[in-house]
Amino acid sequence: MIEFASEEFAIFLSRLALEFDDRVELVREGGGRPAEAVVIALQYQAGSKAVAVRFLDGPCEWMKNR
């Protein structure tokens, strides 16, 4: 679940073994084209981590159509 997002960035909680510069694919509930992103920051806390990503294909269409 995305906690915060703009057209260029998103922040979400994760328990995955993600590290700086990893590439991820975010999938929107209800379908649509996945958004590719790269990890730009991590904050570890209480067994999970907050992950900040930058969308790779420019502004994310999900955020434009809110």
PDB file of N, CA and C in Angstrom:
ATOM      1  N   MET A   1       0.831  -1.169   0.000  1.00  0.00           N
ATOM      2  CA  MET A   1       0.000   0.000   0.000  1.00  0.00           C
ATOM      3  C   MET A   1       0.887   1.247   0.000  1.00  0.00           C
ATOM      4  N   ILE A   2       0.616   2.161  -0.888  1.00  0.00           N
ATOM      5  CA  ILE A   2       1.395   3.387  -0.989  1.00  0.00           C
ATOM      6  C   ILE A   2       0.915   4.366   0.074  1.00  0.00           C
ATOM      7  N   GLU A   3       1.862   4.881   0.859  1.00  0.00           N
ATOM      8  CA  GLU A   3       1.559   5.818   1.936  1.00  0.00           C
ATOM      9  C   GLU A   3       1.489   7.254   1.422  1.00  0.00           C
ATOM     10  N   PHE A   4       2.349   7.577   0.447  1.00  0.00           N
ATOM     11  CA  PHE A   4       2.397   8.917  -0.140  1.00  0.00           C
ATOM     12  C   PHE A   4       2.850   8.780  -1.573  1.00  0.00           C
ATOM     13  N   ALA A   5       2.327   9.621  -2.453  1.00  0.00           N
ATOM     14  CA  ALA A   5       2.790   9.593  -3.841  1.00  0.00           C
ATOM     15  C   ALA A   5       2.560  10.937  -4.510  1.00  0.00           C
ATOM     16  N   SER A   6       3.427  11.233  -5.439  1.00  0.00           N
ATOM     17  CA  SER A   6       3.261  12.365  -6.336  1.00  0.00           C
ATOM     18  C   SER A   6       3.430  11.795  -7.741  1.00  0.00           C
ATOM     19  N   GLU A   7       3.457  12.634  -8.748  1.00  0.00           N
ATOM     20  CA  GLU A   7       3.629  12.134 -10.110  1.00  0.00           C
ATOM     21  C   GLU A   7       5.006  11.528 -10.337  1.00  0.00           C
ATOM     22  N   GLU A   8       5.999  11.892  -9.516  1.00  0.00           N
ATOM     23  CA  GLU A   8       7.369  11.432  -9.727  1.00  0.00           C
ATOM     24  C   GLU A   8       7.909  10.486  -8.654  1.00  0.00           C
ATOM     25  N   PHE A   9       7.306  10.485  -7.457  1.00  0.00           N
ATOM     26  CA  PHE A   9       7.833   9.713  -6.335  1.00  0.00           C
ATOM     27  C   PHE A   9       6.713   9.004  -5.583  1.00  0.00           C
ATOM     28  N   ALA A  10       7.083   7.941  -4.837  1.00  0.00           N
ATOM     29  CA  ALA A  10       6.134   7.255  -3.963  1.00  0.00           C
ATOM     30  C   ALA A  10       6.884   6.751  -2.735  1.00  0.00           C
ATOM     31  N   ILE A  11       6.146   6.623  -1.622  1.00  0.00           N
ATOM     32  CA  ILE A  11       6.689   6.066  -0.383  1.00  0.00           C
ATOM     33  C   ILE A  11       5.732   4.990   0.099  1.00  0.00           C
ATOM     34  N   PHE A  12       6.299   3.843   0.465  1.00  0.00           N
ATOM     35  CA  PHE A  12       5.486   2.744   0.965  1.00  0.00           C
ATOM     36  C   PHE A  12       6.276   1.944   1.978  1.00  0.00           C
ATOM     37  N   LEU A  13       5.572   1.156   2.810  1.00  0.00           N
ATOM     38  CA  LEU A  13       6.210   0.262   3.771  1.00  0.00           C
ATOM     39  C   LEU A  13       6.441  -1.081   3.123  1.00  0.00           C
ATOM     40  N   SER A  14       7.553  -1.729   3.470  1.00  0.00           N
ATOM     41  CA  SER A  14       7.883  -3.018   2.867  1.00  0.00           C
ATOM     42  C   SER A  14       8.656  -3.888   3.849  1.00  0.00           C
ATOM     43  N   ARG A  15       8.465  -5.182   3.721  1.00  0.00           N
ATOM     44  CA  ARG A  15       9.276  -6.159   4.466  1.00  0.00           C
ATOM     45  C   ARG A  15      10.216  -6.899   3.509  1.00  0.00           C
ATOM     46  N   LEU A  16      10.229  -6.500   2.247  1.00  0.00           N
ATOM     47  CA  LEU A  16      11.114  -7.108   1.252  1.00  0.00           C
ATOM     48  C   LEU A  16      12.553  -6.664   1.486  1.00  0.00           C
ATOM     49  N   ALA A  17      13.482  -7.440   0.999  1.00  0.00           N
ATOM     50  CA  ALA A  17      14.913  -7.135   1.151  1.00  0.00           C
ATOM     51  C   ALA A  17      15.345  -6.141   0.074  1.00  0.00           C
ATOM     52  N   LEU A  18      14.761  -4.953   0.099  1.00  0.00           N
ATOM     53  CA  LEU A  18      15.100  -3.929  -0.883  1.00  0.00           C
ATOM     54  C   LEU A  18      16.282  -3.113  -0.392  1.00  0.00           C
ATOM     55  N   GLU A  19      17.085  -2.650  -1.326  1.00  0.00           N
ATOM     56  CA  GLU A  19      18.230  -1.804  -1.020  1.00  0.00           C
ATOM     57  C   GLU A  19      18.253  -0.627  -1.984  1.00  0.00           C
ATOM     58  N   PHE A  20      19.099   0.356  -1.682  1.00  0.00           N
ATOM     59  CA  PHE A  20      19.247   1.533  -2.514  1.00  0.00           C
ATOM     60  C   PHE A  20      19.564   1.131  -3.950  1.00  0.00           C
ATOM     61  N   ASP A  21      18.920   1.753  -4.905  1.00  0.00           N
ATOM     62  CA  ASP A  21      19.115   1.574  -6.345  1.00  0.00           C
ATOM     63  C   ASP A  21      18.462   0.307  -6.902  1.00  0.00           C
ATOM     64  N   ASP A  22      17.739  -0.477  -6.078  1.00  0.00           N
ATOM     65  CA  ASP A  22      16.987  -1.626  -6.601  1.00  0.00           C
ATOM     66  C   ASP A  22      15.841  -1.119  -7.461  1.00  0.00           C
ATOM     67  N   ARG A  23      15.480  -1.903  -8.440  1.00  0.00           N
ATOM     68  CA  ARG A  23      14.327  -1.574  -9.283  1.00  0.00           C
ATOM     69  C   ARG A  23      13.124  -2.379  -8.808  1.00  0.00           C
ATOM     70  N   VAL A  24      11.968  -1.718  -8.772  1.00  0.00           N
ATOM     71  CA  VAL A  24      10.732  -2.373  -8.353  1.00  0.00           C
ATOM     72  C   VAL A  24       9.637  -2.071  -9.369  1.00  0.00           C
ATOM     73  N   GLU A  25       8.603  -2.875  -9.319  1.00  0.00           N
ATOM     74  CA  GLU A  25       7.441  -2.671 -10.166  1.00  0.00           C
ATOM     75  C   GLU A  25       6.230  -2.542  -9.250  1.00  0.00           C
ATOM     76  N   LEU A  26       5.565  -1.407  -9.298  1.00  0.00           N
ATOM     77  CA  LEU A  26       4.387  -1.172  -8.473  1.00  0.00           C
ATOM     78  C   LEU A  26       3.146  -1.484  -9.293  1.00  0.00           C
ATOM     79  N   VAL A  27       2.257  -2.274  -8.701  1.00  0.00           N
ATOM     80  CA  VAL A  27       1.040  -2.696  -9.398  1.00  0.00           C
ATOM     81  C   VAL A  27      -0.154  -2.032  -8.735  1.00  0.00           C
ATOM     82  N   ARG A  28      -0.971  -1.412  -9.533  1.00  0.00           N
ATOM     83  CA  ARG A  28      -2.155  -0.708  -9.036  1.00  0.00           C
ATOM     84  C   ARG A  28      -3.285  -1.691  -8.782  1.00  0.00           C
ATOM     85  N   GLU A  29      -3.955  -1.547  -7.622  1.00  0.00           N
ATOM     86  CA  GLU A  29      -5.132  -2.371  -7.353  1.00  0.00           C
ATOM     87  C   GLU A  29      -6.164  -2.094  -8.434  1.00  0.00           C
ATOM     88  N   GLY A  30      -6.796  -3.134  -8.926  1.00  0.00           N
ATOM     89  CA  GLY A  30      -7.803  -2.955  -9.963  1.00  0.00           C
ATOM     90  C   GLY A  30      -7.232  -3.006 -11.361  1.00  0.00           C
ATOM     91  N   GLY A  31      -5.935  -3.271 -11.485  1.00  0.00           N
ATOM     92  CA  GLY A  31      -5.341  -3.440 -12.809  1.00  0.00           C
ATOM     93  C   GLY A  31      -4.649  -2.196 -13.330  1.00  0.00           C
ATOM     94  N   GLY A  32      -4.390  -2.205 -14.595  1.00  0.00           N
ATOM     95  CA  GLY A  32      -3.641  -1.118 -15.217  1.00  0.00           C
ATOM     96  C   GLY A  32      -2.197  -1.516 -15.425  1.00  0.00           C
ATOM     97  N   ARG A  33      -1.478  -0.671 -16.093  1.00  0.00           N
ATOM     98  CA  ARG A  33      -0.070  -0.928 -16.399  1.00  0.00           C
ATOM     99  C   ARG A  33       0.787  -0.719 -15.151  1.00  0.00           C
ATOM    100  N   PRO A  34       1.658  -1.692 -14.825  1.00  0.00           N
ATOM    101  CA  PRO A  34       2.552  -1.518 -13.675  1.00  0.00           C
ATOM    102  C   PRO A  34       3.475  -0.321 -13.891  1.00  0.00           C
ATOM    103  N   ALA A  35       3.889   0.312 -12.797  1.00  0.00           N
ATOM    104  CA  ALA A  35       4.818   1.437 -12.858  1.00  0.00           C
ATOM    105  C   ALA A  35       6.187   0.969 -12.384  1.00  0.00           C
ATOM    106  N   GLU A  36       7.207   1.163 -13.208  1.00  0.00           N
ATOM    107  CA  GLU A  36       8.567   0.802 -12.823  1.00  0.00           C
ATOM    108  C   GLU A  36       9.195   1.964 -12.072  1.00  0.00           C
ATOM    109  N   ALA A  37       9.952   1.617 -11.017  1.00  0.00           N
ATOM    110  CA  ALA A  37      10.558   2.646 -10.175  1.00  0.00           C
ATOM    111  C   ALA A  37      11.899   2.149  -9.640  1.00  0.00           C
ATOM    112  N   VAL A  38      12.688   3.085  -9.133  1.00  0.00           N
ATOM    113  CA  VAL A  38      13.976   2.759  -8.527  1.00  0.00           C
ATOM    114  C   VAL A  38      13.970   3.281  -7.094  1.00  0.00           C
ATOM    115  N   VAL A  39      14.553   2.478  -6.177  1.00  0.00           N
ATOM    116  CA  VAL A  39      14.632   2.854  -4.763  1.00  0.00           C
ATOM    117  C   VAL A  39      15.654   3.982  -4.609  1.00  0.00           C
ATOM    118  N   ILE A  40      15.217   5.085  -3.979  1.00  0.00           N
ATOM    119  CA  ILE A  40      16.118   6.224  -3.781  1.00  0.00           C
ATOM    120  C   ILE A  40      16.411   6.491  -2.312  1.00  0.00           C
ATOM    121  N   ALA A  41      15.609   5.890  -1.405  1.00  0.00           N
ATOM    122  CA  ALA A  41      15.859   6.068   0.031  1.00  0.00           C
ATOM    123  C   ALA A  41      15.167   4.963   0.818  1.00  0.00           C
ATOM    124  N   LEU A  42      15.746   4.626   1.971  1.00  0.00           N
ATOM    125  CA  LEU A  42      15.198   3.613   2.873  1.00  0.00           C
ATOM    126  C   LEU A  42      15.292   4.115   4.305  1.00  0.00           C
ATOM    127  N   GLN A  43      14.300   3.775   5.109  1.00  0.00           N
ATOM    128  CA  GLN A  43      14.367   4.051   6.552  1.00  0.00           C
ATOM    129  C   GLN A  43      13.887   2.803   7.268  1.00  0.00           C
ATOM    130  N   TYR A  44      14.771   2.194   8.055  1.00  0.00           N
ATOM    131  CA  TYR A  44      14.457   0.974   8.784  1.00  0.00           C
ATOM    132  C   TYR A  44      13.819   1.307  10.122  1.00  0.00           C
ATOM    133  N   GLN A  45      12.751   0.530  10.472  1.00  0.00           N
ATOM    134  CA  GLN A  45      12.115   0.748  11.771  1.00  0.00           C
ATOM    135  C   GLN A  45      11.223  -0.435  12.113  1.00  0.00           C
ATOM    136  N   ALA A  46      11.407  -1.005  13.286  1.00  0.00           N
ATOM    137  CA  ALA A  46      10.533  -2.035  13.863  1.00  0.00           C
ATOM    138  C   ALA A  46      10.216  -3.188  12.914  1.00  0.00           C
ATOM    139  N   GLY A  47      11.228  -3.766  12.293  1.00  0.00           N
ATOM    140  CA  GLY A  47      11.026  -4.947  11.459  1.00  0.00           C
ATOM    141  C   GLY A  47      10.530  -4.684  10.056  1.00  0.00           C
ATOM    142  N   SER A  48      10.265  -3.459   9.721  1.00  0.00           N
ATOM    143  CA  SER A  48       9.894  -3.132   8.348  1.00  0.00           C
ATOM    144  C   SER A  48      10.689  -1.897   7.945  1.00  0.00           C
ATOM    145  N   LYS A  49      10.455  -1.434   6.746  1.00  0.00           N
ATOM    146  CA  LYS A  49      11.169  -0.252   6.302  1.00  0.00           C
ATOM    147  C   LYS A  49      10.287   0.605   5.427  1.00  0.00           C
ATOM    148  N   ALA A  50      10.505   1.895   5.486  1.00  0.00           N
ATOM    149  CA  ALA A  50       9.851   2.827   4.577  1.00  0.00           C
ATOM    150  C   ALA A  50      10.751   2.927   3.351  1.00  0.00           C
ATOM    151  N   VAL A  51      10.147   2.814   2.187  1.00  0.00           N
ATOM    152  CA  VAL A  51      10.889   2.825   0.933  1.00  0.00           C
ATOM    153  C   VAL A  51      10.404   3.999   0.089  1.00  0.00           C
ATOM    154  N   ALA A  52      11.332   4.815  -0.373  1.00  0.00           N
ATOM    155  CA  ALA A  52      11.002   5.901  -1.290  1.00  0.00           C
ATOM    156  C   ALA A  52      11.523   5.516  -2.674  1.00  0.00           C
ATOM    157  N   VAL A  53      10.672   5.687  -3.678  1.00  0.00           N
ATOM    158  CA  VAL A  53      11.056   5.344  -5.043  1.00  0.00           C
ATOM    159  C   VAL A  53      10.779   6.519  -5.985  1.00  0.00           C
ATOM    160  N   ARG A  54      11.520   6.528  -7.097  1.00  0.00           N
ATOM    161  CA  ARG A  54      11.297   7.491  -8.177  1.00  0.00           C
ATOM    162  C   ARG A  54      10.836   6.703  -9.390  1.00  0.00           C
ATOM    163  N   PHE A  55       9.731   7.128  -9.988  1.00  0.00           N
ATOM    164  CA  PHE A  55       9.218   6.446 -11.179  1.00  0.00           C
ATOM    165  C   PHE A  55      10.196   6.638 -12.335  1.00  0.00           C
ATOM    166  N   LEU A  56      10.456   5.572 -13.093  1.00  0.00           N
ATOM    167  CA  LEU A  56      11.464   5.600 -14.147  1.00  0.00           C
ATOM    168  C   LEU A  56      10.954   6.148 -15.473  1.00  0.00           C
ATOM    169  N   ASP A  57       9.680   6.002 -15.745  1.00  0.00           N
ATOM    170  CA  ASP A  57       9.145   6.409 -17.047  1.00  0.00           C
ATOM    171  C   ASP A  57       8.530   7.802 -16.999  1.00  0.00           C
ATOM    172  N   GLY A  58       9.080   8.675 -16.168  1.00  0.00           N
ATOM    173  CA  GLY A  58       8.533  10.022 -16.040  1.00  0.00           C
ATOM    174  C   GLY A  58       7.349  10.025 -15.106  1.00  0.00           C
ATOM    175  N   PRO A  59       6.545  11.081 -15.155  1.00  0.00           N
ATOM    176  CA  PRO A  59       5.380  11.178 -14.255  1.00  0.00           C
ATOM    177  C   PRO A  59       4.470   9.958 -14.359  1.00  0.00           C
ATOM    178  N   CYS A  60       4.067   9.442 -13.222  1.00  0.00           N
ATOM    179  CA  CYS A  60       3.221   8.255 -13.173  1.00  0.00           C
ATOM    180  C   CYS A  60       1.784   8.631 -13.526  1.00  0.00           C
ATOM    181  N   GLU A  61       1.213   7.952 -14.486  1.00  0.00           N
ATOM    182  CA  GLU A  61      -0.150   8.258 -14.936  1.00  0.00           C
ATOM    183  C   GLU A  61      -1.180   8.027 -13.843  1.00  0.00           C
ATOM    184  N   TRP A  62      -0.888   7.145 -12.873  1.00  0.00           N
ATOM    185  CA  TRP A  62      -1.835   6.911 -11.774  1.00  0.00           C
ATOM    186  C   TRP A  62      -2.080   8.195 -10.997  1.00  0.00           C
ATOM    187  N   MET A  63      -0.997   8.940 -10.773  1.00  0.00           N
ATOM    188  CA  MET A  63      -1.097  10.137  -9.943  1.00  0.00           C
ATOM    189  C   MET A  63      -1.728  11.302 -10.714  1.00  0.00           C
ATOM    190  N   LYS A  64      -1.604  11.310 -12.023  1.00  0.00           N
ATOM    191  CA  LYS A  64      -2.187  12.358 -12.843  1.00  0.00           C
ATOM    192  C   LYS A  64      -3.700  12.236 -12.893  1.00  0.00           C
ATOM    193  N   ASN A  65      -4.206  11.011 -12.742  1.00  0.00           N
ATOM    194  CA  ASN A  65      -5.630  10.734 -12.906  1.00  0.00           C
ATOM    195  C   ASN A  65      -6.364  10.566 -11.584  1.00  0.00           C
ATOM    196  N   ARG A  66      -5.875  11.149 -10.505  1.00  0.00           N
ATOM    197  CA  ARG A  66      -6.533  10.992  -9.203  1.00  0.00           C
ATOM    198  C   ARG A  66      -7.805  11.776  -9.143  1.00  0.00           C
TER     199      ARG A  66
END
